[in-house]
Amino acid sequence: MEHSYLTEARPAFDDAVTSAIDAAADPWGGGAKRMDVGIVDEQGEVYRRVRAWGIAEYTRLINQLKNRGFTNDGEGRGYDDVLRFDGAAP
């Protein structure tokens, strides 16, 4: 799994994104299909891109983010999925 920051700003919830990436990453590198997830900041702009490799790594990432209070904003903006933090972890 790979990630990159697209802006200099780091929202208060950024540590939750990092822990979700760490928990979801496949130590063997995932699969062959690249799937990009955008994480939006408080203003609704994508500030961080996370690239999962394969459907299993992607699914783990989405589940880890949802467990940390993120909700799906849908796909688009050049990403397979976009998530935002709303703080309502299940």
N, C-alpha and C. Protein backbone atom coordinates (compact mmCIF):
# COMPACT_ATOMS: atom_id res chain seq x y z
N MET A 1 0.85 -1.16 0.00
CA MET A 1 0.00 0.00 0.00
C MET A 1 0.90 1.23 0.00
N GLU A 2 0.46 2.23 -0.73
CA GLU A 2 1.21 3.48 -0.84
C GLU A 2 0.29 4.63 -0.46
N HIS A 3 0.87 5.73 -0.05
CA HIS A 3 0.08 6.92 0.21
C HIS A 3 0.93 8.15 -0.05
N SER A 4 0.24 9.26 -0.31
CA SER A 4 0.94 10.53 -0.50
C SER A 4 0.02 11.66 -0.07
N TYR A 5 0.64 12.72 0.43
CA TYR A 5 -0.10 13.92 0.79
C TYR A 5 -0.17 14.83 -0.43
N LEU A 6 -1.33 15.43 -0.64
CA LEU A 6 -1.54 16.31 -1.76
C LEU A 6 -1.51 17.77 -1.34
N THR A 7 -1.57 18.01 -0.03
CA THR A 7 -1.49 19.36 0.52
C THR A 7 -0.55 19.34 1.72
N GLU A 8 -0.18 20.50 2.19
CA GLU A 8 0.70 20.60 3.36
C GLU A 8 -0.08 20.43 4.65
N ALA A 9 -1.35 20.77 4.65
CA ALA A 9 -2.17 20.70 5.86
C ALA A 9 -2.43 19.26 6.28
N ARG A 10 -2.45 19.04 7.60
CA ARG A 10 -2.75 17.72 8.16
C ARG A 10 -3.93 17.87 9.11
N PRO A 11 -5.10 17.36 8.73
CA PRO A 11 -6.26 17.46 9.62
C PRO A 11 -6.02 16.71 10.93
N ALA A 12 -6.80 17.05 11.94
CA ALA A 12 -6.66 16.42 13.26
C ALA A 12 -6.86 14.91 13.20
N PHE A 13 -7.62 14.41 12.24
CA PHE A 13 -7.89 12.98 12.13
C PHE A 13 -6.85 12.22 11.31
N ASP A 14 -5.78 12.89 10.88
CA ASP A 14 -4.80 12.25 10.01
C ASP A 14 -4.15 11.01 10.64
N ASP A 15 -3.96 11.01 11.95
CA ASP A 15 -3.40 9.82 12.61
C ASP A 15 -4.29 8.60 12.44
N ALA A 16 -5.62 8.81 12.37
CA ALA A 16 -6.55 7.69 12.16
C ALA A 16 -6.36 7.11 10.77
N VAL A 17 -6.07 7.95 9.79
CA VAL A 17 -5.82 7.46 8.43
C VAL A 17 -4.54 6.62 8.41
N THR A 18 -3.51 7.12 9.07
CA THR A 18 -2.24 6.40 9.12
C THR A 18 -2.41 5.04 9.79
N SER A 19 -3.15 4.98 10.90
CA SER A 19 -3.34 3.69 11.58
C SER A 19 -4.18 2.74 10.73
N ALA A 20 -5.13 3.26 9.96
CA ALA A 20 -5.93 2.41 9.07
C ALA A 20 -5.05 1.83 7.96
N ILE A 21 -4.16 2.65 7.41
CA ILE A 21 -3.24 2.17 6.38
C ILE A 21 -2.35 1.07 6.95
N ASP A 22 -1.79 1.30 8.13
CA ASP A 22 -0.92 0.30 8.76
C ASP A 22 -1.65 -1.01 9.00
N ALA A 23 -2.91 -0.93 9.43
CA ALA A 23 -3.68 -2.13 9.73
C ALA A 23 -4.12 -2.88 8.47
N ALA A 24 -4.32 -2.15 7.37
CA ALA A 24 -4.86 -2.77 6.15
C ALA A 24 -3.80 -3.25 5.18
N ALA A 25 -2.59 -2.75 5.29
CA ALA A 25 -1.54 -3.06 4.31
C ALA A 25 -1.20 -4.55 4.30
N ASP A 26 -1.07 -5.08 3.11
CA ASP A 26 -0.66 -6.47 2.93
C ASP A 26 0.86 -6.53 2.92
N PRO A 27 1.46 -7.29 3.84
CA PRO A 27 2.93 -7.34 3.88
C PRO A 27 3.55 -7.91 2.60
N TRP A 28 2.75 -8.61 1.80
CA TRP A 28 3.26 -9.20 0.56
C TRP A 28 2.99 -8.31 -0.64
N GLY A 29 2.39 -7.15 -0.41
CA GLY A 29 2.22 -6.20 -1.50
C GLY A 29 0.85 -6.18 -2.15
N GLY A 30 -0.10 -6.97 -1.70
CA GLY A 30 -1.44 -6.94 -2.26
C GLY A 30 -1.51 -7.59 -3.63
N GLY A 31 -2.45 -7.16 -4.45
CA GLY A 31 -2.66 -7.76 -5.76
C GLY A 31 -2.15 -6.88 -6.89
N ALA A 32 -2.63 -7.17 -8.09
CA ALA A 32 -2.14 -6.47 -9.27
C ALA A 32 -2.95 -5.22 -9.62
N LYS A 33 -4.20 -5.18 -9.21
CA LYS A 33 -5.06 -4.05 -9.57
C LYS A 33 -4.84 -2.88 -8.62
N ARG A 34 -4.57 -1.72 -9.17
CA ARG A 34 -4.37 -0.49 -8.39
C ARG A 34 -5.73 0.14 -8.13
N MET A 35 -5.97 0.50 -6.86
CA MET A 35 -7.22 1.17 -6.48
C MET A 35 -6.86 2.36 -5.59
N ASP A 36 -7.24 3.56 -6.05
CA ASP A 36 -6.90 4.78 -5.34
C ASP A 36 -8.07 5.28 -4.51
N VAL A 37 -7.76 5.63 -3.26
CA VAL A 37 -8.75 6.16 -2.33
C VAL A 37 -8.32 7.57 -1.94
N GLY A 38 -9.23 8.52 -2.07
CA GLY A 38 -8.96 9.89 -1.66
C GLY A 38 -9.57 10.14 -0.29
N ILE A 39 -8.83 10.84 0.55
CA ILE A 39 -9.32 11.22 1.87
C ILE A 39 -9.50 12.73 1.85
N VAL A 40 -10.69 13.22 2.20
CA VAL A 40 -10.95 14.65 2.16
C VAL A 40 -10.76 15.29 3.53
N ASP A 41 -10.36 16.55 3.49
CA ASP A 41 -10.18 17.32 4.73
C ASP A 41 -11.52 17.96 5.12
N GLU A 42 -11.48 18.82 6.13
CA GLU A 42 -12.69 19.45 6.63
C GLU A 42 -13.37 20.34 5.59
N GLN A 43 -12.63 20.83 4.61
CA GLN A 43 -13.20 21.67 3.56
C GLN A 43 -13.71 20.86 2.36
N GLY A 44 -13.58 19.55 2.41
CA GLY A 44 -14.06 18.70 1.33
C GLY A 44 -13.08 18.50 0.19
N GLU A 45 -11.83 18.93 0.39
CA GLU A 45 -10.79 18.76 -0.63
C GLU A 45 -9.97 17.51 -0.31
N VAL A 46 -9.62 16.76 -1.34
CA VAL A 46 -8.78 15.58 -1.14
C VAL A 46 -7.38 16.05 -0.74
N TYR A 47 -6.95 15.64 0.45
CA TYR A 47 -5.63 16.05 0.92
C TYR A 47 -4.63 14.89 0.93
N ARG A 48 -5.15 13.65 0.83
CA ARG A 48 -4.27 12.48 0.89
C ARG A 48 -4.79 11.40 -0.04
N ARG A 49 -3.89 10.80 -0.78
CA ARG A 49 -4.23 9.67 -1.65
C ARG A 49 -3.63 8.42 -1.07
N VAL A 50 -4.45 7.36 -1.00
CA VAL A 50 -3.98 6.06 -0.56
C VAL A 50 -4.19 5.09 -1.71
N ARG A 51 -3.14 4.38 -2.09
CA ARG A 51 -3.22 3.42 -3.19
C ARG A 51 -3.14 2.01 -2.63
N ALA A 52 -4.24 1.29 -2.78
CA ALA A 52 -4.28 -0.12 -2.39
C ALA A 52 -4.02 -0.96 -3.63
N TRP A 53 -3.41 -2.10 -3.41
CA TRP A 53 -3.12 -3.03 -4.51
C TRP A 53 -3.95 -4.29 -4.32
N GLY A 54 -4.95 -4.46 -5.19
CA GLY A 54 -5.82 -5.63 -5.13
C GLY A 54 -7.07 -5.36 -4.30
N ILE A 55 -8.11 -6.12 -4.61
CA ILE A 55 -9.40 -5.92 -3.96
C ILE A 55 -9.36 -6.24 -2.47
N ALA A 56 -8.56 -7.20 -2.06
CA ALA A 56 -8.50 -7.55 -0.64
C ALA A 56 -7.89 -6.41 0.18
N GLU A 57 -6.79 -5.85 -0.29
CA GLU A 57 -6.16 -4.74 0.42
C GLU A 57 -7.08 -3.52 0.42
N TYR A 58 -7.74 -3.27 -0.70
CA TYR A 58 -8.68 -2.16 -0.81
C TYR A 58 -9.84 -2.33 0.19
N THR A 59 -10.41 -3.52 0.24
CA THR A 59 -11.52 -3.78 1.15
C THR A 59 -11.10 -3.62 2.61
N ARG A 60 -9.92 -4.13 2.94
CA ARG A 60 -9.42 -3.96 4.32
C ARG A 60 -9.25 -2.48 4.65
N LEU A 61 -8.71 -1.70 3.70
CA LEU A 61 -8.51 -0.27 3.93
C LEU A 61 -9.85 0.42 4.19
N ILE A 62 -10.84 0.19 3.34
CA ILE A 62 -12.14 0.82 3.50
C ILE A 62 -12.75 0.43 4.84
N ASN A 63 -12.68 -0.84 5.21
CA ASN A 63 -13.23 -1.28 6.49
C ASN A 63 -12.50 -0.65 7.66
N GLN A 64 -11.18 -0.57 7.59
CA GLN A 64 -10.41 0.06 8.66
C GLN A 64 -10.77 1.54 8.80
N LEU A 65 -10.93 2.23 7.69
CA LEU A 65 -11.31 3.64 7.74
C LEU A 65 -12.72 3.81 8.32
N LYS A 66 -13.65 2.99 7.89
CA LYS A 66 -15.02 3.08 8.42
C LYS A 66 -15.04 2.79 9.92
N ASN A 67 -14.22 1.85 10.38
CA ASN A 67 -14.13 1.55 11.81
C ASN A 67 -13.57 2.71 12.60
N ARG A 68 -12.94 3.64 11.94
CA ARG A 68 -12.34 4.82 12.59
C ARG A 68 -13.16 6.09 12.39
N GLY A 69 -14.36 5.95 11.87
CA GLY A 69 -15.26 7.10 11.77
C GLY A 69 -15.34 7.77 10.42
N PHE A 70 -14.90 7.11 9.36
CA PHE A 70 -14.97 7.68 8.02
C PHE A 70 -16.20 7.14 7.30
N THR A 71 -16.76 7.96 6.43
CA THR A 71 -17.89 7.53 5.61
C THR A 71 -17.55 7.75 4.14
N ASN A 72 -18.26 7.03 3.31
CA ASN A 72 -18.03 7.05 1.87
C ASN A 72 -18.66 8.29 1.25
N ASP A 73 -17.88 9.01 0.49
CA ASP A 73 -18.36 10.17 -0.27
C ASP A 73 -18.60 9.78 -1.73
N GLY A 74 -18.39 8.51 -2.06
CA GLY A 74 -18.58 8.04 -3.43
C GLY A 74 -17.30 8.05 -4.22
N GLU A 75 -17.39 7.60 -5.45
CA GLU A 75 -16.21 7.61 -6.31
C GLU A 75 -16.22 8.88 -7.15
N GLY A 76 -15.13 9.12 -7.79
CA GLY A 76 -15.02 10.30 -8.63
C GLY A 76 -13.77 11.09 -8.30
N ARG A 77 -13.62 12.23 -8.93
CA ARG A 77 -12.46 13.08 -8.74
C ARG A 77 -11.17 12.35 -9.08
N GLY A 78 -11.27 11.28 -9.88
CA GLY A 78 -10.08 10.52 -10.25
C GLY A 78 -9.74 9.39 -9.28
N TYR A 79 -10.64 9.10 -8.35
CA TYR A 79 -10.40 8.07 -7.34
C TYR A 79 -11.46 6.97 -7.45
N ASP A 80 -11.09 5.78 -7.03
CA ASP A 80 -12.05 4.69 -6.99
C ASP A 80 -13.05 4.88 -5.85
N ASP A 81 -12.63 5.60 -4.82
CA ASP A 81 -13.47 5.88 -3.67
C ASP A 81 -12.94 7.13 -2.98
N VAL A 82 -13.83 7.89 -2.38
CA VAL A 82 -13.45 9.07 -1.61
C VAL A 82 -14.13 8.96 -0.26
N LEU A 83 -13.35 9.16 0.81
CA LEU A 83 -13.91 9.07 2.15
C LEU A 83 -13.68 10.37 2.91
N ARG A 84 -14.61 10.64 3.82
CA ARG A 84 -14.50 11.81 4.68
C ARG A 84 -14.69 11.38 6.13
N PHE A 85 -14.12 12.12 7.04
CA PHE A 85 -14.24 11.82 8.46
C PHE A 85 -15.49 12.48 9.00
N ASP A 86 -16.34 11.67 9.65
CA ASP A 86 -17.50 12.25 10.33
C ASP A 86 -17.51 11.89 11.81
N GLY A 87 -16.53 11.07 12.24
CA GLY A 87 -16.37 10.76 13.65
C GLY A 87 -17.32 9.75 14.23
N ALA A 88 -18.22 9.22 13.42
CA ALA A 88 -19.21 8.26 13.93
C ALA A 88 -18.76 6.83 13.67
N ALA A 89 -17.78 6.37 14.42
CA ALA A 89 -17.32 4.99 14.28
C ALA A 89 -18.39 4.04 14.78
N PRO A 90 -18.56 2.90 14.10
CA PRO A 90 -19.58 1.93 14.52
C PRO A 90 -19.27 1.31 15.87
